[in-house]
């Protein structure tokens, strides 16, 4: 895969807004292309790549990072969501969001190793720091009847 050019998302979103404004004014597609070419200082092949990239970006605006224009070598397959125009592919790239499964943990003991907190025995409910209360001592010393 050989990269021909790329267009960042912020440039494409500005161009989508400008194109929508020009369409609302009733401009023809040729006038829109010429106006966008002068606004973004593009001409020739780069302008045609830009216009195709705007079309790709308008369908994939959520978390868009950039649109790459690539030429595939023989035997290579096109990436997912790539749009083929003539011999070139327009590939939208997206920001990867952090997974919610990785942030929610089933371990609620804490981050202090295997023990789960101060002292030994894990992260169960802690009693008084001065020892057992008289009720807890009585419950502990009471032997189960058999």
Protein backbone atom coordinates (compact mmCIF):
# COMPACT_ATOMS: atom_id res chain seq x y z
CA UNK A 1 0.00 0.00 0.00
CA UNK A 2 1.40 3.37 -1.00
CA UNK A 3 0.06 6.54 0.61
CA UNK A 4 -0.66 9.25 -1.93
CA UNK A 5 -1.91 11.95 0.45
CA UNK A 6 -4.07 12.44 3.52
CA UNK A 7 -6.52 15.01 4.83
CA UNK A 8 -7.05 15.63 8.58
CA UNK A 9 -10.54 15.54 10.05
CA UNK A 10 -10.64 19.19 11.11
CA UNK A 11 -9.97 20.31 7.52
CA UNK A 12 -12.60 17.94 6.18
CA UNK A 13 -15.25 19.08 8.69
CA UNK A 14 -14.62 22.72 7.69
CA UNK A 15 -14.94 21.71 4.04
CA UNK A 16 -18.19 19.80 4.70
CA UNK A 17 -19.66 22.88 6.37
CA UNK A 18 -18.48 25.14 3.54
CA UNK A 19 -19.87 22.76 0.95
CA UNK A 20 -23.24 22.67 2.73
CA UNK A 21 -23.32 26.48 2.83
CA UNK A 22 -22.49 26.73 -0.87
CA UNK A 23 -25.12 24.13 -1.75
CA UNK A 24 -27.69 26.10 0.24
CA UNK A 25 -26.84 29.16 -1.87
CA UNK A 26 -27.65 27.15 -4.99
CA UNK A 27 -24.14 26.81 -6.40
CA UNK A 28 -23.41 24.14 -9.00
CA UNK A 29 -20.98 21.29 -8.17
CA UNK A 30 -18.34 22.88 -10.42
CA UNK A 31 -18.67 26.22 -8.61
CA UNK A 32 -18.50 24.45 -5.23
CA UNK A 33 -15.32 22.62 -6.26
CA UNK A 34 -13.71 25.83 -7.53
CA UNK A 35 -14.68 27.73 -4.38
CA UNK A 36 -13.33 24.99 -2.08
CA UNK A 37 -10.15 24.86 -4.15
CA UNK A 38 -9.49 28.55 -3.59
CA UNK A 39 -10.53 28.40 0.09
CA UNK A 40 -8.23 25.50 0.93
CA UNK A 41 -5.53 26.38 -1.64
CA UNK A 42 -5.80 23.14 -3.61
CA UNK A 43 -5.75 22.52 -7.33
CA UNK A 44 -5.49 19.73 -9.89
CA UNK A 45 -5.34 16.15 -8.67
CA UNK A 46 -5.07 17.18 -5.04
CA UNK A 47 -8.38 19.05 -5.35
CA UNK A 48 -10.10 15.99 -6.85
CA UNK A 49 -8.68 13.83 -4.03
CA UNK A 50 -9.98 16.41 -1.55
CA UNK A 51 -13.48 16.36 -3.04
CA UNK A 52 -13.65 12.55 -2.86
CA UNK A 53 -12.31 12.68 0.71
CA UNK A 54 -15.10 15.09 1.66
CA UNK A 55 -17.64 12.55 0.40
CA UNK A 56 -16.00 9.75 2.43
CA UNK A 57 -15.77 11.94 5.54
CA UNK A 58 -19.39 13.05 5.32
CA UNK A 59 -20.53 9.44 5.72
CA UNK A 60 -18.11 8.69 8.60
CA UNK A 61 -17.92 11.80 10.80
CA UNK A 62 -18.05 10.04 14.21
CA UNK A 63 -14.52 9.85 15.77
CA UNK A 64 -12.88 10.54 12.40
CA UNK A 65 -9.12 11.10 12.59
CA UNK A 66 -8.22 11.52 8.91
CA UNK A 67 -8.89 10.23 5.42
CA UNK A 68 -5.93 8.67 3.66
CA UNK A 69 -5.66 8.36 -0.10
CA UNK A 70 -3.77 5.16 -0.91
CA UNK A 71 -2.83 3.11 -3.93
CA UNK A 72 -2.81 -0.64 -3.37
CA UNK A 73 -0.14 -2.92 -4.77
CA UNK A 74 -1.06 -6.09 -6.63
CA UNK A 75 -2.50 -8.78 -4.39
CA UNK A 76 -3.38 -6.43 -1.52
CA UNK A 77 -6.94 -6.21 -0.30
CA UNK A 78 -8.67 -2.96 0.53
CA UNK A 79 -9.04 -2.00 4.21
CA UNK A 80 -12.45 -1.92 5.87
CA UNK A 81 -14.66 1.09 5.00
CA UNK A 82 -12.36 2.02 2.10
CA UNK A 83 -14.03 3.65 -0.90
CA UNK A 84 -12.52 2.90 -4.29
CA UNK A 85 -12.42 5.66 -6.90
CA UNK A 86 -10.66 4.65 -10.11
CA UNK A 87 -7.34 3.07 -8.99
CA UNK A 88 -7.18 4.83 -5.59
CA UNK A 89 -8.76 3.95 -2.26
CA UNK A 90 -9.99 6.54 0.22
CA UNK A 91 -9.56 5.07 3.70
CA UNK A 92 -11.13 6.78 6.74
CA UNK A 93 -9.17 6.34 9.98
CA UNK A 94 -10.85 6.68 13.35
CA UNK A 95 -9.76 7.40 16.93
CA UNK A 96 -9.81 4.27 19.07
CA UNK A 97 -11.87 4.78 22.19
CA UNK A 98 -10.94 3.06 25.43
CA UNK A 99 -12.93 -0.06 26.09
CA UNK A 100 -15.43 0.12 28.92
CA UNK A 101 -14.71 -3.52 29.80
CA UNK A 102 -11.11 -2.66 30.64
CA UNK A 103 -12.09 0.13 33.01
CA UNK A 104 -14.72 -1.78 34.99
CA UNK A 105 -12.97 -4.34 37.14
CA UNK A 106 -14.49 -7.13 39.20
CA UNK A 107 -11.69 -6.80 41.76
CA UNK A 108 -12.88 -4.39 44.45
CA UNK A 109 -10.17 -5.21 46.99
CA UNK A 110 -7.84 -2.45 45.95
CA UNK A 111 -4.47 -2.19 44.33
CA UNK A 112 -2.08 -3.36 47.05
CA UNK A 113 -1.09 -6.77 45.73
CA UNK A 114 -2.80 -10.05 46.52
CA UNK A 115 -3.74 -9.13 50.05
CA UNK A 116 -6.09 -6.36 48.99
CA UNK A 117 -5.29 -3.90 51.71
CA UNK A 118 -3.50 -3.52 55.03
CA UNK A 119 -2.91 -6.61 57.07
CA UNK A 120 -3.44 -10.19 56.08
CA UNK A 121 -6.59 -11.91 55.10
CA UNK A 122 -7.96 -9.90 52.21
CA UNK A 123 -10.31 -7.04 51.86
CA UNK A 124 -13.27 -8.00 53.98
CA UNK A 125 -15.08 -5.52 56.23
CA UNK A 126 -12.76 -4.20 58.89
CA UNK A 127 -13.70 -3.90 62.53
CA UNK A 128 -12.41 -1.58 65.15
CA UNK A 129 -8.68 -0.83 65.09
CA UNK A 130 -8.61 -1.55 68.89
CA UNK A 131 -9.73 -5.14 68.60
CA UNK A 132 -13.00 -6.99 68.86
CA UNK A 133 -15.99 -5.55 70.65
CA UNK A 134 -17.44 -7.53 73.59
CA UNK A 135 -20.31 -8.73 71.36
CA UNK A 136 -17.88 -9.94 68.68
CA UNK A 137 -15.77 -11.74 71.33
CA UNK A 138 -18.85 -13.51 72.69
CA UNK A 139 -19.93 -14.56 69.18
CA UNK A 140 -16.43 -15.84 68.40
CA UNK A 141 -16.04 -17.78 71.65
CA UNK A 142 -19.52 -19.30 71.48
CA UNK A 143 -19.14 -22.90 70.35
CA UNK A 144 -21.66 -24.33 67.94
CA UNK A 145 -23.88 -26.96 69.50
CA UNK A 146 -23.80 -30.38 67.92
